[in-house]
C-alpha atoms as a PDB file:
ATOM      1  CA  MET A   1      27.762 -86.548 -30.343  1.00  0.00           C
ATOM      2  CA  SER A   2      30.599 -86.348 -28.155  1.00  0.00           C
ATOM      3  CA  GLY A   3      33.504 -83.457 -28.222  1.00  0.00           C
ATOM      4  CA  GLY A   4      35.873 -86.000 -28.902  1.00  0.00           C
ATOM      5  CA  GLY A   5      36.272 -85.132 -32.820  1.00  0.00           C
ATOM      6  CA  SER A   6      36.131 -87.372 -35.597  1.00  0.00           C
ATOM      7  CA  SER A   7      38.348 -90.144 -34.615  1.00  0.00           C
ATOM      8  CA  GLY A   8      36.406 -90.839 -31.245  1.00  0.00           C
ATOM      9  CA  MET A   9      39.189 -90.079 -29.167  1.00  0.00           C
ATOM     10  CA  PRO A  10      38.627 -87.369 -26.016  1.00  0.00           C
ATOM     11  CA  GLU A  11      39.849 -84.228 -26.704  1.00  0.00           C
ATOM     12  CA  ALA A  12      41.712 -83.774 -23.267  1.00  0.00           C
ATOM     13  CA  LEU A  13      43.327 -87.319 -24.282  1.00  0.00           C
ATOM     14  CA  ARG A  14      44.010 -86.217 -27.924  1.00  0.00           C
ATOM     15  CA  ARG A  15      45.774 -83.023 -26.553  1.00  0.00           C
ATOM     16  CA  ARG A  16      48.123 -84.979 -24.055  1.00  0.00           C
ATOM     17  CA  VAL A  17      48.969 -88.276 -27.169  1.00  0.00           C
ATOM     18  CA  ALA A  18      50.125 -84.868 -29.287  1.00  0.00           C
ATOM     19  CA  ALA A  19      51.805 -83.413 -26.916  1.00  0.00           C
ATOM     20  CA  PHE A  20      53.807 -86.426 -25.880  1.00  0.00           C
ATOM     21  CA  LEU A  21      54.608 -87.204 -29.904  1.00  0.00           C
ATOM     22  CA  HIS A  22      55.700 -83.818 -30.111  1.00  0.00           C
ATOM     23  CA  TRP A  23      58.264 -84.375 -27.259  1.00  0.00           C
ATOM     24  CA  TRP A  24      59.123 -87.668 -28.206  1.00  0.00           C
ATOM     25  CA  GLY A  25      60.019 -86.491 -31.291  1.00  0.00           C
ATOM     26  CA  GLU A  26      62.445 -84.051 -29.995  1.00  0.00           C
ATOM     27  CA  GLY A  27      64.450 -86.718 -27.496  1.00  0.00           C
ATOM     28  CA  LEU A  28      64.750 -88.483 -30.595  1.00  0.00           C
ATOM     29  CA  LYS A  29      66.399 -85.879 -32.139  1.00  0.00           C
ATOM     30  CA  ALA A  30      68.595 -84.727 -29.981  1.00  0.00           C
ATOM     31  CA  LEU A  31      69.858 -88.429 -29.855  1.00  0.00           C
ATOM     32  CA  LEU A  32      71.138 -87.618 -33.637  1.00  0.00           C
ATOM     33  CA  PRO A  33      74.380 -86.498 -34.796  1.00  0.00           C
ATOM     34  CA  GLY A  34      75.024 -82.954 -34.209  1.00  0.00           C
ATOM     35  CA  PRO A  35      75.886 -82.462 -38.120  1.00  0.00           C
ATOM     36  CA  VAL A  36      71.960 -83.726 -38.376  1.00  0.00           C
ATOM     37  CA  ARG A  37      70.091 -82.458 -35.753  1.00  0.00           C
ATOM     38  CA  ARG A  38      70.994 -79.117 -36.945  1.00  0.00           C
ATOM     39  CA  LEU A  39      69.300 -79.907 -40.492  1.00  0.00           C
ATOM     40  CA  PHE A  40      66.014 -79.811 -37.885  1.00  0.00           C
ATOM     41  CA  GLY A  41      67.478 -76.675 -36.625  1.00  0.00           C
ATOM     42  CA  ASP A  42      68.229 -77.633 -33.169  1.00  0.00           C
ATOM     43  CA  GLY A  43      71.435 -78.200 -31.967  1.00  0.00           C
ATOM     44  CA  GLY A  44      70.298 -79.713 -28.302  1.00  0.00           C
ATOM     45  CA  TYR A  45      71.388 -78.432 -25.190  1.00  0.00           C
ATOM     46  CA  ARG A  46      73.539 -79.737 -22.714  1.00  0.00           C
ATOM     47  CA  LEU A  47      73.046 -79.284 -18.585  1.00  0.00           C
ATOM     48  CA  LEU A  48      76.082 -78.613 -16.137  1.00  0.00           C
ATOM     49  CA  LEU A  49      76.001 -80.268 -12.342  1.00  0.00           C
ATOM     50  CA  SER A  50      77.573 -78.494  -9.716  1.00  0.00           C
ATOM     51  CA  LEU A  51      77.840 -79.422  -6.242  1.00  0.00           C
ATOM     52  CA  ASP A  52      77.256 -76.735  -3.776  1.00  0.00           C
ATOM     53  CA  GLY A  53      77.507 -78.340  -0.181  1.00  0.00           C
ATOM     54  CA  ASP A  54      74.720 -80.847  -0.342  1.00  0.00           C
ATOM     55  CA  ALA A  55      73.116 -79.775  -3.408  1.00  0.00           C
ATOM     56  CA  LEU A  56      72.997 -80.117  -7.570  1.00  0.00           C
ATOM     57  CA  VAL A  57      73.321 -77.020  -9.288  1.00  0.00           C
ATOM     58  CA  LEU A  58      71.592 -77.686 -13.061  1.00  0.00           C
ATOM     59  CA  THR A  59      72.382 -74.976 -15.756  1.00  0.00           C
ATOM     60  CA  ARG A  60      71.559 -75.509 -19.202  1.00  0.00           C
ATOM     61  CA  VAL A  61      73.841 -74.201 -21.803  1.00  0.00           C
ATOM     62  CA  GLY A  62      72.242 -73.743 -25.604  1.00  0.00           C
ATOM     63  CA  ALA A  63      71.563 -71.858 -28.041  1.00  0.00           C
ATOM     64  CA  THR A  64      69.558 -69.039 -25.965  1.00  0.00           C
ATOM     65  CA  GLY A  65      72.760 -68.959 -23.702  1.00  0.00           C
ATOM     66  CA  ARG A  66      73.249 -70.017 -20.328  1.00  0.00           C
ATOM     67  CA  ASN A  67      70.053 -70.389 -17.614  1.00  0.00           C
ATOM     68  CA  PRO A  68      69.237 -71.347 -14.568  1.00  0.00           C
ATOM     69  CA  VAL A  69      67.705 -74.712 -14.108  1.00  0.00           C
ATOM     70  CA  GLY A  70      67.383 -75.387 -10.056  1.00  0.00           C
ATOM     71  CA  ARG A  71      68.623 -76.547  -6.969  1.00  0.00           C
ATOM     72  CA  TYR A  72      68.242 -79.695  -5.993  1.00  0.00           C
ATOM     73  CA  ALA A  73      69.224 -80.779  -2.262  1.00  0.00           C
ATOM     74  CA  LEU A  74      70.861 -84.518  -2.339  1.00  0.00           C
ATOM     75  CA  THR A  75      69.931 -85.232   1.375  1.00  0.00           C
ATOM     76  CA  PRO A  76      67.318 -87.493   2.809  1.00  0.00           C
ATOM     77  CA  ASP A  77      63.790 -85.919   2.716  1.00  0.00           C
ATOM     78  CA  GLY A  78      61.163 -87.398   4.730  1.00  0.00           C
ATOM     79  CA  GLY A  79      63.316 -90.280   4.512  1.00  0.00           C
ATOM     80  CA  ARG A  80      64.152 -90.385   0.653  1.00  0.00           C
ATOM     81  CA  LEU A  81      66.392 -88.860  -1.551  1.00  0.00           C
ATOM     82  CA  ARG A  82      65.091 -86.843  -4.370  1.00  0.00           C
ATOM     83  CA  GLY A  83      66.741 -85.327  -7.361  1.00  0.00           C
ATOM     84  CA  PRO A  84      66.091 -83.586 -10.399  1.00  0.00           C
ATOM     85  CA  PRO A  85      62.955 -84.792 -12.266  1.00  0.00           C
ATOM     86  CA  PRO A  86      63.097 -87.070 -15.131  1.00  0.00           C
ATOM     87  CA  SER A  87      61.950 -84.817 -17.621  1.00  0.00           C
ATOM     88  CA  VAL A  88      64.492 -82.285 -16.878  1.00  0.00           C
ATOM     89  CA  LEU A  89      66.972 -84.946 -17.371  1.00  0.00           C
ATOM     90  CA  ALA A  90      65.532 -86.749 -20.614  1.00  0.00           C
ATOM     91  CA  GLN A  91      65.597 -83.387 -22.667  1.00  0.00           C
ATOM     92  CA  ALA A  92      69.075 -82.836 -22.150  1.00  0.00           C
ATOM     93  CA  ARG A  93      71.622 -84.302 -25.127  1.00  0.00           C
ATOM     94  CA  GLU A  94      74.573 -84.329 -22.160  1.00  0.00           C
ATOM     95  CA  LEU A  95      74.771 -84.009 -18.771  1.00  0.00           C
ATOM     96  CA  VAL A  96      78.425 -82.698 -17.599  1.00  0.00           C
ATOM     97  CA  LEU A  97      79.612 -82.586 -13.892  1.00  0.00           C
ATOM     98  CA  CYS A  98      81.677 -79.533 -13.304  1.00  0.00           C
ATOM     99  CA  LEU A  99      84.531 -79.491 -10.748  1.00  0.00           C
ATOM    100  CA  PRO A 100      85.457 -76.453  -9.617  1.00  0.00           C
ATOM    101  CA  GLU A 101      89.349 -75.565 -10.328  1.00  0.00           C
ATOM    102  CA  GLU A 102      90.284 -75.624  -6.702  1.00  0.00           C
ATOM    103  CA  GLN A 103      89.417 -79.733  -7.080  1.00  0.00           C
ATOM    104  CA  ALA A 104      91.793 -79.817 -10.072  1.00  0.00           C
ATOM    105  CA  LEU A 105      95.057 -79.678 -11.841  1.00  0.00           C
ATOM    106  CA  VAL A 106      95.185 -78.011 -15.171  1.00  0.00           C
ATOM    107  CA  GLN A 107      98.203 -77.750 -17.118  1.00  0.00           C
ATOM    108  CA  ARG A 108      99.614 -76.851 -20.402  1.00  0.00           C
ATOM    109  CA  LEU A 109     102.338 -79.235 -22.031  1.00  0.00           C
ATOM    110  CA  ARG A 110     104.306 -79.392 -25.165  1.00  0.00           C
ATOM    111  CA  LEU A 111     104.556 -83.238 -26.508  1.00  0.00           C
ATOM    112  CA  PRO A 112     105.703 -84.161 -30.191  1.00  0.00           C
ATOM    113  CA  MET A 113     102.958 -84.482 -32.703  1.00  0.00           C
ATOM    114  CA  ALA A 114     103.526 -87.692 -33.331  1.00  0.00           C
ATOM    115  CA  VAL A 115     101.613 -88.805 -29.713  1.00  0.00           C
ATOM    116  CA  GLU A 116      98.279 -87.329 -30.460  1.00  0.00           C
ATOM    117  CA  PRO A 117      97.234 -90.121 -32.246  1.00  0.00           C
ATOM    118  CA  ASN A 118      97.064 -92.000 -28.550  1.00  0.00           C
ATOM    119  CA  LEU A 119      97.498 -88.904 -26.378  1.00  0.00           C
ATOM    120  CA  ARG A 120      95.626 -90.755 -23.466  1.00  0.00           C
ATOM    121  CA  ARG A 121      97.584 -93.068 -23.550  1.00  0.00           C
ATOM    122  CA  VAL A 122     100.704 -91.698 -23.544  1.00  0.00           C
ATOM    123  CA  LEU A 123      99.464 -88.818 -20.694  1.00  0.00           C
ATOM    124  CA  GLY A 124      98.648 -91.841 -18.406  1.00  0.00           C
ATOM    125  CA  TYR A 125     102.441 -93.197 -19.095  1.00  0.00           C
ATOM    126  CA  THR A 126     103.734 -90.073 -18.171  1.00  0.00           C
ATOM    127  CA  MET A 127     101.574 -89.044 -16.196  1.00  0.00           C
ATOM    128  CA  ASP A 128     103.917 -88.754 -13.103  1.00  0.00           C
ATOM    129  CA  ALA A 129     106.149 -87.066 -15.159  1.00  0.00           C
ATOM    130  CA  HIS A 130     103.699 -83.967 -15.399  1.00  0.00           C
ATOM    131  CA  THR A 131     101.879 -84.181 -12.212  1.00  0.00           C
ATOM    132  CA  PRO A 132     102.214 -84.820  -8.286  1.00  0.00           C
ATOM    133  CA  PHE A 133      99.975 -88.313  -8.866  1.00  0.00           C
ATOM    134  CA  SER A 134     100.081 -90.974 -11.048  1.00  0.00           C
ATOM    135  CA  ALA A 135      97.443 -92.119 -13.745  1.00  0.00           C
ATOM    136  CA  ASP A 136      95.627 -94.637 -11.384  1.00  0.00           C
ATOM    137  CA  GLN A 137      95.551 -91.972  -8.456  1.00  0.00           C
ATOM    138  CA  VAL A 138      93.307 -89.519 -10.781  1.00  0.00           C
ATOM    139  CA  TYR A 139      90.807 -89.108 -13.539  1.00  0.00           C
ATOM    140  CA  TYR A 140      92.826 -86.740 -16.910  1.00  0.00           C
ATOM    141  CA  ASP A 141      92.177 -86.239 -20.296  1.00  0.00           C
ATOM    142  CA  GLY A 142      93.967 -83.658 -22.479  1.00  0.00           C
ATOM    143  CA  ARG A 143      93.151 -81.551 -25.308  1.00  0.00           C
ATOM    144  CA  VAL A 144      95.022 -80.168 -28.195  1.00  0.00           C
ATOM    145  CA  LEU A 145      95.152 -76.660 -28.048  1.00  0.00           C
ATOM    146  CA  ALA A 146      97.682 -76.023 -31.146  1.00  0.00           C
ATOM    147  CA  ARG A 147      99.757 -77.805 -33.948  1.00  0.00           C
ATOM    148  CA  ASP A 148     103.303 -76.170 -34.163  1.00  0.00           C
ATOM    149  CA  ARG A 149     103.427 -78.272 -38.018  1.00  0.00           C
ATOM    150  CA  SER A 150     107.111 -76.555 -38.589  1.00  0.00           C
ATOM    151  CA  ALA A 151     108.388 -77.924 -35.140  1.00  0.00           C
ATOM    152  CA  ARG A 152     105.964 -81.723 -34.919  1.00  0.00           C
ATOM    153  CA  MET A 153     105.003 -80.470 -31.571  1.00  0.00           C
ATOM    154  CA  LEU A 154     101.636 -80.301 -29.602  1.00  0.00           C
ATOM    155  CA  ASP A 155     100.641 -77.331 -27.040  1.00  0.00           C
ATOM    156  CA  ILE A 156      98.432 -79.646 -24.691  1.00  0.00           C
ATOM    157  CA  GLU A 157      96.070 -78.687 -21.976  1.00  0.00           C
ATOM    158  CA  LEU A 158      96.420 -81.605 -19.301  1.00  0.00           C
ATOM    159  CA  SER A 159      92.558 -81.316 -16.569  1.00  0.00           C
ATOM    160  CA  VAL A 160      93.767 -83.980 -13.446  1.00  0.00           C
ATOM    161  CA  ALA A 161      91.839 -84.522 -10.368  1.00  0.00           C
ATOM    162  CA  PRO A 162      92.052 -86.666  -7.716  1.00  0.00           C
ATOM    163  CA  ARG A 163      89.979 -90.073  -7.712  1.00  0.00           C
ATOM    164  CA  ALA A 164      88.766 -89.609  -4.293  1.00  0.00           C
ATOM    165  CA  PRO A 165      85.838 -86.331  -4.537  1.00  0.00           C
ATOM    166  CA  VAL A 166      85.252 -87.329  -8.247  1.00  0.00           C
ATOM    167  CA  ASP A 167      84.242 -90.446  -6.694  1.00  0.00           C
ATOM    168  CA  ALA A 168      81.941 -89.325  -3.787  1.00  0.00           C
ATOM    169  CA  ALA A 169      80.522 -86.649  -5.924  1.00  0.00           C
ATOM    170  CA  LEU A 170      79.752 -89.368  -8.810  1.00  0.00           C
ATOM    171  CA  ALA A 171      78.079 -91.774  -5.869  1.00  0.00           C
ATOM    172  CA  ALA A 172      76.301 -88.737  -4.468  1.00  0.00           C
ATOM    173  CA  LEU A 173      74.571 -87.888  -7.624  1.00  0.00           C
ATOM    174  CA  GLY A 174      74.389 -92.018  -9.009  1.00  0.00           C
ATOM    175  CA  ALA A 175      72.111 -92.194  -5.638  1.00  0.00           C
ATOM    176  CA  VAL A 176      69.592 -89.462  -6.883  1.00  0.00           C
ATOM    177  CA  GLY A 177      69.413 -91.112 -10.373  1.00  0.00           C
ATOM    178  CA  VAL A 178      71.828 -88.952 -12.054  1.00  0.00           C
ATOM    179  CA  HIS A 179      74.548 -90.244 -14.025  1.00  0.00           C
ATOM    180  CA  PRO A 180      77.316 -88.234 -16.316  1.00  0.00           C
ATOM    181  CA  ASP A 181      78.009 -88.599 -20.017  1.00  0.00           C
ATOM    182  CA  ARG A 182      81.470 -86.311 -19.059  1.00  0.00           C
ATOM    183  CA  VAL A 183      83.219 -84.964 -16.237  1.00  0.00           C
ATOM    184  CA  ALA A 184      85.180 -81.454 -16.848  1.00  0.00           C
ATOM    185  CA  VAL A 185      86.757 -79.064 -14.761  1.00  0.00           C
ATOM    186  CA  GLY A 186      85.886 -75.240 -14.398  1.00  0.00           C
ATOM    187  CA  CYS A 187      82.803 -75.303 -16.886  1.00  0.00           C
ATOM    188  CA  ALA A 188      80.539 -74.564 -14.332  1.00  0.00           C
ATOM    189  CA  GLY A 189      81.179 -70.612 -14.704  1.00  0.00           C
ATOM    190  CA  ALA A 190      82.910 -70.323 -18.055  1.00  0.00           C
ATOM    191  CA  ASP A 191      82.159 -69.201 -20.847  1.00  0.00           C
ATOM    192  CA  THR A 192      82.550 -72.742 -22.809  1.00  0.00           C
ATOM    193  CA  CYS A 193      82.677 -76.176 -22.317  1.00  0.00           C
ATOM    194  CA  PRO A 194      84.885 -78.056 -24.270  1.00  0.00           C
ATOM    195  CA  GLU A 195      83.560 -80.856 -25.638  1.00  0.00           C
ATOM    196  CA  GLU A 196      86.365 -83.018 -26.200  1.00  0.00           C
ATOM    197  CA  VAL A 197      87.506 -83.208 -23.084  1.00  0.00           C
ATOM    198  CA  ASN A 198      85.833 -85.685 -20.441  1.00  0.00           C
ATOM    199  CA  LEU A 199      88.021 -86.784 -17.174  1.00  0.00           C
ATOM    200  CA  LEU A 200      85.957 -90.366 -17.170  1.00  0.00           C
ATOM    201  CA  ALA A 201      88.053 -93.315 -18.094  1.00  0.00           C
ATOM    202  CA  THR A 202      86.871 -95.047 -20.730  1.00  0.00           C
ATOM    203  CA  GLY A 203      85.679 -97.898 -19.048  1.00  0.00           C
ATOM    204  CA  ARG A 204      83.215 -95.510 -16.991  1.00  0.00           C
ATOM    205  CA  ARG A 205      81.863 -93.491 -19.698  1.00  0.00           C
ATOM    206  CA  GLN A 206      78.343 -93.815 -20.223  1.00  0.00           C
ATOM    207  CA  ARG A 207      76.714 -95.709 -23.351  1.00  0.00           C
ATOM    208  CA  GLY A 208      73.591 -94.893 -24.707  1.00  0.00           C
ATOM    209  CA  THR A 209      72.669 -92.511 -21.767  1.00  0.00           C
ATOM    210  CA  ARG A 210      70.240 -90.134 -23.544  1.00  0.00           C
ATOM    211  CA  LEU A 211      68.340 -92.820 -24.745  1.00  0.00           C
ATOM    212  CA  GLN A 212      68.095 -94.260 -21.753  1.00  0.00           C
ATOM    213  CA  ARG A 213      66.992 -91.186 -20.366  1.00  0.00           C
ATOM    214  CA  VAL A 214      64.426 -90.296 -22.960  1.00  0.00           C
ATOM    215  CA  LEU A 215      63.203 -94.053 -22.309  1.00  0.00           C
ATOM    216  CA  ASN A 216      62.584 -94.330 -19.080  1.00  0.00           C
ATOM    217  CA  THR A 217      60.744 -90.704 -18.988  1.00  0.00           C
ATOM    218  CA  ALA A 218      58.488 -92.138 -21.884  1.00  0.00           C
ATOM    219  CA  LEU A 219      57.280 -95.159 -19.645  1.00  0.00           C
ATOM    220  CA  VAL A 220      56.594 -92.010 -17.114  1.00  0.00           C
ATOM    221  CA  VAL A 221      54.837 -90.133 -19.372  1.00  0.00           C
ATOM    222  CA  LEU A 222      52.986 -92.674 -20.448  1.00  0.00           C
ATOM    223  CA  ALA A 223      52.277 -94.069 -17.549  1.00  0.00           C
ATOM    224  CA  LEU A 224      50.335 -90.728 -16.477  1.00  0.00           C
ATOM    225  CA  THR A 225      48.426 -90.726 -19.317  1.00  0.00           C
END
């Protein structure tokens, strides 16, 4: 009799299928909302993307802390561009492009509490009053740092980055198949990366990116089995 086991499937193939199903399950679990995902004992991790000259530096941030993943050239190698392996991207629940602080403007504002439901829109309308730019010249976002309920005021952190360098970075990443879910400032070397900050305009934010990464990598894995 063959050593394929009672199922008739060769042992090597059985192990590969089992490994794939485990990977696929982990990928689907990462798609769940945070509170539900934590019921399974896994909060997921994010990949921080930072550009260093012509290289992309990846850092993994999760329950075990911050760990370097790799450094990948964004220039042609042998006539073709080579980015991070698809499996590295697919395992992340979020890709965050981290802009260096010198490429952005971060400042604190104090605004009436009534603006909170439409904070991003209000910041856009008043951009030229708070910065040297107009809203159409920059990517921006704001987050609430504190609420002074007695005075009905908010302490806001406004993050602003000129569009040209951000567009250049997004184009360089897109050329190697990397499409950030979020753009933030200064998180590459920081202990925290506030999840509520995303400088990308709403229309440019990725929809279903995580699922797309999982499906694309699944096709690659299946093709190799």
